[in-house]
């Protein structure tokens, strides 16, 4: 991806593209990755986050969507084929996880900063490679570049994006029960409709 020359123009154009399409705002709590090798978050973390009103659109929990982890591990294992020596301590990197989120949640646009923009580029490249290898269409996600005060702080484990997934249209989980319910509904939809596709990608 080329170096960003006009951050404001890119941010406006990308946001307009997201809003004009049939895409819905979603905030993914990336707890599946963030807490994989750490202690569990303090009690009330999710409740407090929801009450702040910082989340946009539907809020869902990555930890209740095992397809994301499975696809991230598949992408990582494919990169390790033929590698010599010991396996890395963490098999999947940030680009593997982002690529898996894009594919499973059908993300059309992802909020990034100038720091995380290269990760999105790499995630899209890995989806393209997997798509060419398996023959399954895995569309890339476009960046919505946020700068200044609007930029994600990176302190909270979350991903803000727009999704083409029908289960995410349109809604808003304003409490813990609503967030869990939305996550479980999305999980059921993934189980019913993504099963055969994931087998085709090598997840069997």
N, C-alpha and C. Protein backbone atom coordinates (compact mmCIF):
# COMPACT_ATOMS: atom_id res chain seq x y z
N UNK A 1 0.85 -1.18 0.00
CA UNK A 1 0.00 0.00 0.00
C UNK A 1 0.89 1.23 0.00
N UNK A 2 0.50 2.25 -0.82
CA UNK A 2 1.29 3.46 -0.92
C UNK A 2 1.24 4.25 0.38
N UNK A 3 2.25 5.07 0.57
CA UNK A 3 2.31 5.90 1.75
C UNK A 3 1.15 6.90 1.74
N UNK A 4 0.57 7.14 2.90
CA UNK A 4 -0.58 8.04 2.99
C UNK A 4 -0.13 9.48 2.76
N UNK A 5 -0.74 10.13 1.76
CA UNK A 5 -0.37 11.50 1.44
C UNK A 5 -1.39 12.51 1.91
N UNK A 6 -2.63 12.08 2.03
CA UNK A 6 -3.68 13.00 2.48
C UNK A 6 -4.64 12.22 3.36
N UNK A 7 -4.35 12.17 4.67
CA UNK A 7 -5.10 11.34 5.61
C UNK A 7 -6.56 11.77 5.69
N UNK A 8 -6.81 13.08 5.69
CA UNK A 8 -8.18 13.56 5.82
C UNK A 8 -9.02 13.14 4.62
N UNK A 9 -8.47 13.25 3.42
CA UNK A 9 -9.20 12.89 2.22
C UNK A 9 -9.53 11.40 2.20
N UNK A 10 -8.57 10.58 2.60
CA UNK A 10 -8.81 9.13 2.64
C UNK A 10 -9.88 8.79 3.66
N UNK A 11 -9.81 9.43 4.83
CA UNK A 11 -10.80 9.16 5.88
C UNK A 11 -12.20 9.51 5.41
N UNK A 12 -12.36 10.66 4.77
CA UNK A 12 -13.68 11.07 4.31
C UNK A 12 -14.20 10.18 3.20
N UNK A 13 -13.36 9.84 2.25
CA UNK A 13 -13.78 9.01 1.14
C UNK A 13 -14.16 7.61 1.59
N UNK A 14 -13.37 7.05 2.50
CA UNK A 14 -13.64 5.69 2.98
C UNK A 14 -14.92 5.65 3.81
N UNK A 15 -15.11 6.64 4.68
CA UNK A 15 -16.32 6.69 5.49
C UNK A 15 -17.55 6.84 4.62
N UNK A 16 -17.46 7.66 3.57
CA UNK A 16 -18.60 7.85 2.67
C UNK A 16 -18.94 6.54 1.95
N UNK A 17 -17.92 5.80 1.55
CA UNK A 17 -18.14 4.53 0.87
C UNK A 17 -18.84 3.54 1.78
N UNK A 18 -18.46 3.56 3.05
CA UNK A 18 -19.08 2.63 4.01
C UNK A 18 -20.55 2.97 4.22
N UNK A 19 -20.84 4.25 4.33
CA UNK A 19 -22.20 4.68 4.64
C UNK A 19 -23.14 4.52 3.44
N UNK A 20 -22.61 4.59 2.22
CA UNK A 20 -23.45 4.51 1.04
C UNK A 20 -23.80 3.07 0.67
N UNK A 21 -23.05 2.12 1.17
CA UNK A 21 -23.32 0.72 0.85
C UNK A 21 -24.24 0.08 1.88
N UNK A 22 -24.56 -1.18 1.63
CA UNK A 22 -25.39 -1.93 2.56
C UNK A 22 -24.50 -2.55 3.63
N UNK A 23 -23.87 -1.72 4.39
CA UNK A 23 -22.97 -2.17 5.45
C UNK A 23 -23.43 -1.58 6.77
N UNK A 24 -23.17 -2.33 7.84
CA UNK A 24 -23.62 -1.91 9.16
C UNK A 24 -22.44 -1.81 10.11
N UNK A 25 -22.51 -0.78 10.93
CA UNK A 25 -21.43 -0.53 11.87
C UNK A 25 -21.39 -1.62 12.94
N UNK A 26 -20.18 -2.05 13.27
CA UNK A 26 -20.01 -3.10 14.26
C UNK A 26 -18.75 -2.82 15.07
N UNK A 27 -18.81 -3.10 16.35
CA UNK A 27 -17.63 -3.05 17.22
C UNK A 27 -17.36 -4.46 17.72
N UNK A 28 -16.21 -5.00 17.37
CA UNK A 28 -15.83 -6.35 17.79
C UNK A 28 -14.90 -6.25 18.98
N UNK A 29 -15.32 -6.82 20.12
CA UNK A 29 -14.45 -6.92 21.28
C UNK A 29 -13.47 -8.07 21.01
N UNK A 30 -12.23 -7.74 20.71
CA UNK A 30 -11.26 -8.75 20.28
C UNK A 30 -10.66 -9.48 21.47
N UNK A 31 -11.53 -9.92 22.35
CA UNK A 31 -11.08 -10.61 23.56
C UNK A 31 -10.52 -11.99 23.26
N UNK A 32 -10.89 -12.58 22.13
CA UNK A 32 -10.36 -13.90 21.79
C UNK A 32 -8.86 -13.88 21.64
N UNK A 33 -8.31 -12.82 21.06
CA UNK A 33 -6.87 -12.68 20.89
C UNK A 33 -6.23 -11.97 22.06
N UNK A 34 -6.83 -10.86 22.49
CA UNK A 34 -6.20 -10.01 23.49
C UNK A 34 -5.96 -10.73 24.81
N UNK A 35 -6.87 -11.63 25.18
CA UNK A 35 -6.75 -12.30 26.47
C UNK A 35 -6.31 -13.76 26.32
N UNK A 36 -5.77 -14.10 25.15
CA UNK A 36 -5.38 -15.48 24.91
C UNK A 36 -4.27 -15.93 25.84
N UNK A 37 -3.31 -15.04 26.10
CA UNK A 37 -2.15 -15.42 26.92
C UNK A 37 -2.02 -14.55 28.16
N UNK A 38 -3.15 -14.00 28.61
CA UNK A 38 -3.13 -13.15 29.80
C UNK A 38 -4.25 -13.58 30.73
N UNK A 39 -4.27 -12.98 31.89
CA UNK A 39 -5.34 -13.28 32.82
C UNK A 39 -6.65 -12.71 32.29
N UNK A 40 -7.75 -13.23 32.74
CA UNK A 40 -9.06 -12.75 32.30
C UNK A 40 -9.25 -11.30 32.74
N UNK A 41 -10.03 -10.54 31.97
CA UNK A 41 -10.26 -9.14 32.35
C UNK A 41 -11.00 -9.04 33.67
N UNK A 42 -10.89 -7.91 34.30
CA UNK A 42 -11.57 -7.71 35.56
C UNK A 42 -13.07 -7.79 35.38
N UNK A 43 -13.74 -8.25 36.42
CA UNK A 43 -15.20 -8.35 36.36
C UNK A 43 -15.78 -6.97 36.09
N UNK A 44 -16.75 -6.92 35.19
CA UNK A 44 -17.39 -5.65 34.87
C UNK A 44 -16.74 -4.90 33.74
N UNK A 45 -15.65 -5.44 33.16
CA UNK A 45 -14.98 -4.75 32.06
C UNK A 45 -15.92 -4.47 30.90
N UNK A 46 -16.60 -5.52 30.42
CA UNK A 46 -17.49 -5.36 29.28
C UNK A 46 -18.67 -4.48 29.63
N UNK A 47 -19.23 -4.68 30.80
CA UNK A 47 -20.37 -3.85 31.21
C UNK A 47 -20.01 -2.38 31.24
N UNK A 48 -18.85 -2.08 31.83
CA UNK A 48 -18.42 -0.68 31.91
C UNK A 48 -18.17 -0.10 30.53
N UNK A 49 -17.60 -0.90 29.64
CA UNK A 49 -17.33 -0.41 28.29
C UNK A 49 -18.62 -0.08 27.56
N UNK A 50 -19.61 -0.96 27.68
CA UNK A 50 -20.88 -0.72 27.01
C UNK A 50 -21.57 0.52 27.55
N UNK A 51 -21.44 0.75 28.84
CA UNK A 51 -22.12 1.89 29.46
C UNK A 51 -21.48 3.22 29.08
N UNK A 52 -20.22 3.19 28.61
CA UNK A 52 -19.58 4.45 28.23
C UNK A 52 -20.16 5.02 26.95
N UNK A 53 -20.81 4.16 26.15
CA UNK A 53 -21.37 4.62 24.89
C UNK A 53 -20.32 4.80 23.81
N UNK A 54 -19.10 4.32 24.05
CA UNK A 54 -18.02 4.49 23.08
C UNK A 54 -18.18 3.56 21.88
N UNK A 55 -18.87 2.45 22.08
CA UNK A 55 -19.03 1.48 20.99
C UNK A 55 -19.97 2.03 19.92
N UNK A 56 -19.69 1.67 18.66
CA UNK A 56 -20.54 2.09 17.56
C UNK A 56 -21.20 0.86 16.95
N UNK A 57 -22.51 1.00 16.65
CA UNK A 57 -23.22 -0.12 16.04
C UNK A 57 -23.36 -1.30 16.97
N UNK A 58 -23.49 -2.47 16.36
CA UNK A 58 -23.66 -3.70 17.13
C UNK A 58 -22.34 -4.12 17.76
N UNK A 59 -22.38 -4.53 19.02
CA UNK A 59 -21.18 -4.99 19.72
C UNK A 59 -21.24 -6.51 19.83
N UNK A 60 -20.17 -7.18 19.42
CA UNK A 60 -20.11 -8.64 19.52
C UNK A 60 -18.78 -9.06 20.12
N UNK A 61 -18.78 -10.26 20.70
CA UNK A 61 -17.61 -10.80 21.39
C UNK A 61 -16.89 -11.81 20.50
N UNK A 62 -15.63 -11.58 20.27
CA UNK A 62 -14.84 -12.51 19.47
C UNK A 62 -14.71 -13.88 20.14
N UNK A 63 -14.69 -13.89 21.45
CA UNK A 63 -14.52 -15.15 22.18
C UNK A 63 -15.68 -16.12 21.95
N UNK A 64 -16.82 -15.62 21.48
CA UNK A 64 -17.97 -16.48 21.19
C UNK A 64 -18.06 -16.84 19.71
N UNK A 65 -17.04 -16.50 18.95
CA UNK A 65 -17.02 -16.79 17.51
C UNK A 65 -15.76 -17.60 17.18
N UNK A 66 -15.77 -18.90 17.47
CA UNK A 66 -14.56 -19.71 17.29
C UNK A 66 -14.08 -19.80 15.84
N UNK A 67 -14.93 -19.48 14.87
CA UNK A 67 -14.51 -19.51 13.47
C UNK A 67 -13.38 -18.52 13.20
N UNK A 68 -13.38 -17.40 13.93
CA UNK A 68 -12.33 -16.41 13.73
C UNK A 68 -10.98 -16.98 14.15
N UNK A 69 -10.95 -17.60 15.33
CA UNK A 69 -9.68 -18.20 15.79
C UNK A 69 -9.24 -19.33 14.85
N UNK A 70 -10.19 -20.15 14.42
CA UNK A 70 -9.84 -21.27 13.55
C UNK A 70 -9.21 -20.79 12.25
N UNK A 71 -9.79 -19.76 11.64
CA UNK A 71 -9.25 -19.25 10.38
C UNK A 71 -7.91 -18.55 10.59
N UNK A 72 -7.75 -17.85 11.70
CA UNK A 72 -6.47 -17.21 12.00
C UNK A 72 -5.37 -18.26 12.14
N UNK A 73 -5.67 -19.37 12.81
CA UNK A 73 -4.69 -20.43 12.98
C UNK A 73 -4.37 -21.10 11.64
N UNK A 74 -5.38 -21.23 10.77
CA UNK A 74 -5.14 -21.81 9.45
C UNK A 74 -4.19 -20.93 8.64
N UNK A 75 -4.45 -19.63 8.64
CA UNK A 75 -3.59 -18.72 7.91
C UNK A 75 -2.16 -18.77 8.44
N UNK A 76 -2.02 -18.83 9.75
CA UNK A 76 -0.69 -18.88 10.36
C UNK A 76 0.03 -20.19 10.02
N UNK A 77 -0.69 -21.30 10.09
CA UNK A 77 -0.07 -22.60 9.83
C UNK A 77 0.38 -22.71 8.37
N UNK A 78 -0.36 -22.09 7.46
CA UNK A 78 0.04 -22.13 6.06
C UNK A 78 1.34 -21.37 5.83
N UNK A 79 1.56 -20.31 6.59
CA UNK A 79 2.81 -19.56 6.46
C UNK A 79 3.98 -20.35 7.01
N UNK A 80 3.71 -21.29 7.92
CA UNK A 80 4.78 -22.06 8.56
C UNK A 80 5.14 -23.32 7.79
N UNK A 81 4.39 -23.63 6.73
CA UNK A 81 4.68 -24.84 5.97
C UNK A 81 6.08 -24.77 5.36
N UNK A 82 6.84 -25.78 5.61
CA UNK A 82 8.20 -25.82 5.08
C UNK A 82 9.22 -25.09 5.91
N UNK A 83 8.76 -24.41 6.97
CA UNK A 83 9.69 -23.67 7.82
C UNK A 83 10.50 -24.64 8.67
N UNK A 84 11.74 -24.31 8.89
CA UNK A 84 12.62 -25.15 9.70
C UNK A 84 12.76 -24.57 11.10
N UNK A 85 13.07 -25.42 12.03
CA UNK A 85 13.26 -24.98 13.40
C UNK A 85 11.98 -25.04 14.20
N UNK A 86 12.02 -24.45 15.37
CA UNK A 86 10.88 -24.49 16.29
C UNK A 86 9.78 -23.54 15.83
N UNK A 87 8.57 -23.90 16.18
CA UNK A 87 7.44 -23.03 15.89
C UNK A 87 7.50 -21.81 16.80
N UNK A 88 7.01 -20.67 16.34
CA UNK A 88 7.02 -19.47 17.18
C UNK A 88 6.11 -19.63 18.38
N UNK A 89 6.37 -18.85 19.43
CA UNK A 89 5.56 -18.94 20.65
C UNK A 89 4.11 -18.59 20.36
N UNK A 90 3.90 -17.60 19.51
CA UNK A 90 2.55 -17.24 19.07
C UNK A 90 2.45 -17.52 17.59
N UNK A 91 1.66 -18.51 17.23
CA UNK A 91 1.59 -18.96 15.84
C UNK A 91 0.99 -17.88 14.94
N UNK A 92 -0.14 -17.31 15.34
CA UNK A 92 -0.82 -16.31 14.51
C UNK A 92 -0.41 -14.90 14.92
N UNK A 93 -0.17 -14.06 13.92
CA UNK A 93 0.17 -12.67 14.22
C UNK A 93 -1.05 -11.77 14.00
N UNK A 94 -0.87 -10.48 14.16
CA UNK A 94 -1.99 -9.53 14.07
C UNK A 94 -2.66 -9.56 12.71
N UNK A 95 -1.89 -9.74 11.64
CA UNK A 95 -2.47 -9.77 10.30
C UNK A 95 -3.32 -11.02 10.09
N UNK A 96 -2.91 -12.15 10.67
CA UNK A 96 -3.72 -13.37 10.58
C UNK A 96 -5.08 -13.16 11.24
N UNK A 97 -5.06 -12.57 12.44
CA UNK A 97 -6.31 -12.34 13.15
C UNK A 97 -7.20 -11.37 12.39
N UNK A 98 -6.62 -10.30 11.87
CA UNK A 98 -7.42 -9.31 11.15
C UNK A 98 -8.00 -9.91 9.88
N UNK A 99 -7.23 -10.70 9.17
CA UNK A 99 -7.73 -11.35 7.96
C UNK A 99 -8.90 -12.28 8.28
N UNK A 100 -8.78 -13.01 9.39
CA UNK A 100 -9.86 -13.92 9.79
C UNK A 100 -11.12 -13.14 10.14
N UNK A 101 -10.97 -12.01 10.82
CA UNK A 101 -12.13 -11.19 11.17
C UNK A 101 -12.81 -10.65 9.92
N UNK A 102 -12.03 -10.22 8.96
CA UNK A 102 -12.58 -9.70 7.71
C UNK A 102 -13.39 -10.77 7.00
N UNK A 103 -12.84 -11.98 6.93
CA UNK A 103 -13.50 -13.06 6.20
C UNK A 103 -14.76 -13.55 6.91
N UNK A 104 -14.67 -13.81 8.20
CA UNK A 104 -15.79 -14.39 8.94
C UNK A 104 -16.93 -13.38 9.10
N UNK A 105 -16.60 -12.14 9.41
CA UNK A 105 -17.62 -11.11 9.65
C UNK A 105 -17.99 -10.35 8.39
N UNK A 106 -17.35 -10.69 7.27
CA UNK A 106 -17.61 -10.02 5.99
C UNK A 106 -17.46 -8.51 6.13
N UNK A 107 -16.32 -8.11 6.64
CA UNK A 107 -16.07 -6.69 6.86
C UNK A 107 -15.71 -6.01 5.54
N UNK A 108 -16.42 -4.94 5.25
CA UNK A 108 -16.14 -4.19 4.03
C UNK A 108 -15.17 -3.04 4.29
N UNK A 109 -15.21 -2.48 5.51
CA UNK A 109 -14.35 -1.36 5.90
C UNK A 109 -13.89 -1.57 7.33
N UNK A 110 -12.66 -1.19 7.60
CA UNK A 110 -12.08 -1.34 8.93
C UNK A 110 -11.44 -0.01 9.34
N UNK A 111 -11.70 0.41 10.57
CA UNK A 111 -11.09 1.63 11.08
C UNK A 111 -9.62 1.35 11.41
N UNK A 112 -8.73 2.17 10.86
CA UNK A 112 -7.30 2.02 11.09
C UNK A 112 -6.68 3.38 11.39
N UNK A 113 -5.46 3.34 11.85
CA UNK A 113 -4.64 4.54 12.01
C UNK A 113 -3.45 4.41 11.06
N UNK A 114 -2.62 5.42 10.99
CA UNK A 114 -1.44 5.32 10.14
C UNK A 114 -0.51 4.21 10.61
N UNK A 115 -0.62 3.85 11.88
CA UNK A 115 0.21 2.78 12.44
C UNK A 115 -0.30 1.40 12.06
N UNK A 116 -1.63 1.23 12.06
CA UNK A 116 -2.21 -0.09 11.79
C UNK A 116 -2.57 -0.30 10.33
N UNK A 117 -2.42 0.73 9.50
CA UNK A 117 -2.74 0.60 8.08
C UNK A 117 -1.93 -0.50 7.39
N UNK A 118 -0.62 -0.64 7.64
CA UNK A 118 0.13 -1.73 7.01
C UNK A 118 -0.39 -3.11 7.39
N UNK A 119 -0.91 -3.25 8.61
CA UNK A 119 -1.45 -4.55 9.04
C UNK A 119 -2.66 -4.93 8.20
N UNK A 120 -3.51 -3.96 7.91
CA UNK A 120 -4.68 -4.22 7.06
C UNK A 120 -4.24 -4.61 5.66
N UNK A 121 -3.24 -3.93 5.14
CA UNK A 121 -2.72 -4.26 3.82
C UNK A 121 -2.21 -5.70 3.78
N UNK A 122 -1.47 -6.10 4.82
CA UNK A 122 -0.95 -7.46 4.88
C UNK A 122 -2.08 -8.48 5.03
N UNK A 123 -3.09 -8.15 5.84
CA UNK A 123 -4.24 -9.05 6.01
C UNK A 123 -4.96 -9.27 4.69
N UNK A 124 -5.14 -8.22 3.93
CA UNK A 124 -5.80 -8.34 2.62
C UNK A 124 -4.96 -9.19 1.66
N UNK A 125 -3.64 -9.05 1.73
CA UNK A 125 -2.76 -9.85 0.87
C UNK A 125 -2.87 -11.34 1.22
N UNK A 126 -2.99 -11.65 2.50
CA UNK A 126 -3.10 -13.06 2.90
C UNK A 126 -4.45 -13.64 2.50
N UNK A 127 -5.50 -12.83 2.57
CA UNK A 127 -6.80 -13.31 2.10
C UNK A 127 -6.77 -13.55 0.60
N UNK A 128 -6.11 -12.69 -0.12
CA UNK A 128 -6.00 -12.85 -1.57
C UNK A 128 -5.26 -14.14 -1.91
N UNK A 129 -4.16 -14.41 -1.20
CA UNK A 129 -3.38 -15.62 -1.44
C UNK A 129 -4.20 -16.87 -1.13
N UNK A 130 -4.94 -16.84 -0.01
CA UNK A 130 -5.76 -17.99 0.36
C UNK A 130 -6.90 -18.18 -0.64
N UNK A 131 -7.46 -17.08 -1.11
CA UNK A 131 -8.54 -17.15 -2.10
C UNK A 131 -8.05 -17.78 -3.40
N UNK A 132 -6.87 -17.38 -3.84
CA UNK A 132 -6.31 -17.92 -5.08
C UNK A 132 -5.97 -19.40 -4.94
N UNK A 133 -5.54 -19.78 -3.75
CA UNK A 133 -5.15 -21.18 -3.53
C UNK A 133 -6.34 -22.11 -3.42
N UNK A 134 -7.42 -21.63 -2.82
CA UNK A 134 -8.58 -22.50 -2.57
C UNK A 134 -9.73 -22.31 -3.55
N UNK A 135 -9.74 -21.18 -4.26
CA UNK A 135 -10.83 -20.91 -5.18
C UNK A 135 -12.06 -20.32 -4.52
N UNK A 136 -11.96 -19.96 -3.24
CA UNK A 136 -13.06 -19.34 -2.51
C UNK A 136 -12.86 -17.82 -2.47
N UNK A 137 -13.92 -17.10 -2.82
CA UNK A 137 -13.83 -15.64 -2.83
C UNK A 137 -13.71 -15.10 -1.41
N UNK A 138 -12.69 -14.33 -1.16
CA UNK A 138 -12.45 -13.72 0.15
C UNK A 138 -12.15 -12.23 -0.08
N UNK A 139 -13.19 -11.41 -0.20
CA UNK A 139 -13.00 -10.00 -0.53
C UNK A 139 -12.19 -9.26 0.54
N UNK A 140 -11.38 -8.30 0.13
CA UNK A 140 -10.60 -7.51 1.08
C UNK A 140 -11.46 -6.45 1.73
N UNK A 141 -10.93 -5.84 2.78
CA UNK A 141 -11.60 -4.72 3.45
C UNK A 141 -10.86 -3.44 3.13
N UNK A 142 -11.61 -2.36 3.00
CA UNK A 142 -11.02 -1.05 2.73
C UNK A 142 -10.76 -0.32 4.04
N UNK A 143 -9.75 0.54 4.07
CA UNK A 143 -9.45 1.27 5.31
C UNK A 143 -10.32 2.51 5.49
N UNK A 144 -10.72 2.75 6.72
CA UNK A 144 -11.30 4.04 7.11
C UNK A 144 -10.28 4.64 8.07
N UNK A 145 -9.51 5.55 7.54
CA UNK A 145 -8.38 6.09 8.29
C UNK A 145 -8.83 7.18 9.25
N UNK A 146 -8.54 6.99 10.53
CA UNK A 146 -8.89 7.96 11.57
C UNK A 146 -7.61 8.57 12.12
N UNK A 147 -7.60 9.87 12.25
CA UNK A 147 -6.42 10.57 12.77
C UNK A 147 -6.83 11.50 13.89
N UNK A 148 -5.85 11.98 14.63
CA UNK A 148 -6.11 12.95 15.69
C UNK A 148 -6.96 12.37 16.80
N UNK A 149 -7.93 13.13 17.27
CA UNK A 149 -8.77 12.72 18.39
C UNK A 149 -9.69 11.56 18.03
N UNK A 150 -9.96 11.37 16.72
CA UNK A 150 -10.85 10.30 16.31
C UNK A 150 -10.15 8.95 16.21
N UNK A 151 -8.84 8.95 16.26
CA UNK A 151 -8.10 7.71 16.09
C UNK A 151 -8.28 6.79 17.29
N UNK A 152 -8.44 5.46 17.06
CA UNK A 152 -8.51 4.51 18.17
C UNK A 152 -7.25 4.58 19.00
N UNK A 153 -7.40 4.52 20.31
CA UNK A 153 -6.25 4.66 21.20
C UNK A 153 -5.40 3.41 21.28
N UNK A 154 -5.99 2.26 20.98
CA UNK A 154 -5.25 1.02 21.08
C UNK A 154 -5.19 0.47 22.49
N UNK A 155 -5.74 1.22 23.45
CA UNK A 155 -5.71 0.77 24.84
C UNK A 155 -6.77 -0.29 25.11
N UNK A 156 -7.84 -0.30 24.32
CA UNK A 156 -8.91 -1.27 24.52
C UNK A 156 -8.88 -2.30 23.41
N UNK A 157 -9.14 -3.56 23.74
CA UNK A 157 -9.11 -4.62 22.74
C UNK A 157 -10.38 -4.62 21.90
N UNK A 158 -10.42 -3.80 20.87
CA UNK A 158 -11.62 -3.73 20.04
C UNK A 158 -11.25 -3.38 18.61
N UNK A 159 -12.18 -3.71 17.71
CA UNK A 159 -12.04 -3.39 16.30
C UNK A 159 -13.34 -2.75 15.84
N UNK A 160 -13.24 -1.54 15.28
CA UNK A 160 -14.41 -0.86 14.75
C UNK A 160 -14.43 -1.04 13.24
N UNK A 161 -15.59 -1.43 12.71
CA UNK A 161 -15.65 -1.76 11.29
C UNK A 161 -17.08 -1.65 10.77
N UNK A 162 -17.23 -1.93 9.48
CA UNK A 162 -18.54 -2.04 8.85
C UNK A 162 -18.64 -3.42 8.24
N UNK A 163 -19.79 -4.06 8.43
CA UNK A 163 -19.95 -5.44 7.99
C UNK A 163 -21.11 -5.58 7.01
N UNK A 164 -20.95 -6.51 6.08
CA UNK A 164 -22.02 -6.87 5.14
C UNK A 164 -22.80 -8.08 5.65
N UNK A 165 -22.49 -8.51 6.88
CA UNK A 165 -23.12 -9.71 7.43
C UNK A 165 -24.56 -9.42 7.81
N UNK A 166 -25.53 -10.19 7.29
CA UNK A 166 -26.94 -9.92 7.57
C UNK A 166 -27.32 -10.01 9.04
N UNK A 167 -26.59 -10.82 9.81
CA UNK A 167 -26.93 -10.96 11.23
C UNK A 167 -26.60 -9.71 12.03
N UNK A 168 -25.84 -8.79 11.45
CA UNK A 168 -25.43 -7.59 12.17
C UNK A 168 -26.24 -6.37 11.76
N UNK A 169 -27.28 -6.54 10.98
CA UNK A 169 -28.08 -5.41 10.50
C UNK A 169 -29.39 -5.29 11.23
N UNK A 170 -29.76 -3.97 11.33
CA UNK A 170 -28.95 -3.05 12.10
C UNK A 170 -29.33 -3.25 13.55
N UNK A 171 -28.48 -3.01 14.47
CA UNK A 171 -28.79 -3.26 15.88
C UNK A 171 -27.77 -2.62 16.78
N UNK A 172 -28.04 -2.67 18.06
CA UNK A 172 -27.12 -2.07 19.01
C UNK A 172 -27.31 -2.75 20.36
N UNK A 173 -26.25 -3.38 20.83
CA UNK A 173 -26.29 -4.00 22.15
C UNK A 173 -25.89 -2.94 23.17
N UNK A 174 -26.83 -2.56 24.00
CA UNK A 174 -26.56 -1.50 24.97
C UNK A 174 -26.28 -2.04 26.37
N UNK A 175 -26.35 -3.35 26.54
CA UNK A 175 -26.05 -3.93 27.83
C UNK A 175 -25.41 -5.29 27.62
N UNK A 176 -25.01 -5.91 28.71
CA UNK A 176 -24.33 -7.19 28.63
C UNK A 176 -25.19 -8.26 27.97
N UNK A 177 -26.46 -8.33 28.36
CA UNK A 177 -27.36 -9.34 27.81
C UNK A 177 -27.51 -9.19 26.31
N UNK A 178 -27.65 -7.93 25.85
CA UNK A 178 -27.80 -7.69 24.43
C UNK A 178 -26.56 -8.06 23.65
N UNK A 179 -25.39 -7.78 24.21
CA UNK A 179 -24.13 -8.12 23.56
C UNK A 179 -23.96 -9.63 23.44
N UNK A 180 -24.26 -10.34 24.53
CA UNK A 180 -24.14 -11.80 24.50
C UNK A 180 -25.14 -12.42 23.53
N UNK A 181 -26.36 -11.88 23.51
CA UNK A 181 -27.38 -12.39 22.60
C UNK A 181 -26.98 -12.19 21.14
N UNK A 182 -26.49 -10.99 20.82
CA UNK A 182 -26.07 -10.71 19.45
C UNK A 182 -24.91 -11.61 19.03
N UNK A 183 -23.98 -11.86 19.95
CA UNK A 183 -22.82 -12.71 19.65
C UNK A 183 -23.26 -14.15 19.40
N UNK A 184 -24.20 -14.63 20.20
CA UNK A 184 -24.66 -16.02 20.04
C UNK A 184 -25.46 -16.18 18.76
N UNK A 185 -26.25 -15.17 18.39
CA UNK A 185 -27.00 -15.24 17.13
C UNK A 185 -26.04 -15.28 15.94
N UNK A 186 -25.01 -14.46 16.00
CA UNK A 186 -24.01 -14.46 14.94
C UNK A 186 -23.27 -15.78 14.89
N UNK A 187 -22.98 -16.35 16.06
CA UNK A 187 -22.30 -17.66 16.11
C UNK A 187 -23.16 -18.73 15.45
N UNK A 188 -24.46 -18.74 15.71
CA UNK A 188 -25.34 -19.72 15.11
C UNK A 188 -25.40 -19.54 13.59
N UNK A 189 -25.44 -18.29 13.15
CA UNK A 189 -25.46 -18.04 11.72
C UNK A 189 -24.16 -18.54 11.07
N UNK A 190 -23.02 -18.29 11.72
CA UNK A 190 -21.75 -18.78 11.21
C UNK A 190 -21.71 -20.29 11.15
N UNK A 191 -22.24 -20.93 12.17
CA UNK A 191 -22.24 -22.40 12.22
C UNK A 191 -23.05 -22.99 11.08
N UNK A 192 -24.20 -22.37 10.79
CA UNK A 192 -25.08 -22.90 9.74
C UNK A 192 -24.58 -22.59 8.34
N UNK A 193 -24.07 -21.39 8.14
CA UNK A 193 -23.78 -20.94 6.78
C UNK A 193 -22.31 -20.94 6.40
N UNK A 194 -21.41 -21.05 7.37
CA UNK A 194 -19.99 -21.03 7.06
C UNK A 194 -19.34 -22.40 7.16
N UNK A 195 -20.09 -23.39 7.65
CA UNK A 195 -19.50 -24.71 7.86
C UNK A 195 -18.83 -25.28 6.63
N UNK A 196 -19.58 -25.42 5.53
CA UNK A 196 -19.03 -26.01 4.33
C UNK A 196 -17.94 -25.16 3.72
N UNK A 197 -18.07 -23.84 3.84
CA UNK A 197 -17.07 -22.94 3.28
C UNK A 197 -15.74 -23.07 4.02
N UNK A 198 -15.80 -23.19 5.35
CA UNK A 198 -14.58 -23.33 6.13
C UNK A 198 -13.91 -24.67 5.86
N UNK A 199 -14.71 -25.71 5.62
CA UNK A 199 -14.13 -27.00 5.25
C UNK A 199 -13.36 -26.86 3.93
N UNK A 200 -13.95 -26.09 3.00
CA UNK A 200 -13.28 -25.86 1.73
C UNK A 200 -11.98 -25.10 1.85
N UNK A 201 -11.87 -24.30 2.92
CA UNK A 201 -10.65 -23.55 3.15
C UNK A 201 -9.59 -24.37 3.89
N UNK A 202 -9.96 -25.60 4.28
CA UNK A 202 -9.00 -26.45 4.95
C UNK A 202 -9.27 -26.63 6.43
N UNK A 203 -10.40 -26.10 6.93
CA UNK A 203 -10.72 -26.24 8.35
C UNK A 203 -11.61 -27.47 8.54
N UNK A 204 -11.04 -28.60 8.65
CA UNK A 204 -11.81 -29.83 8.86
C UNK A 204 -11.00 -30.79 9.72
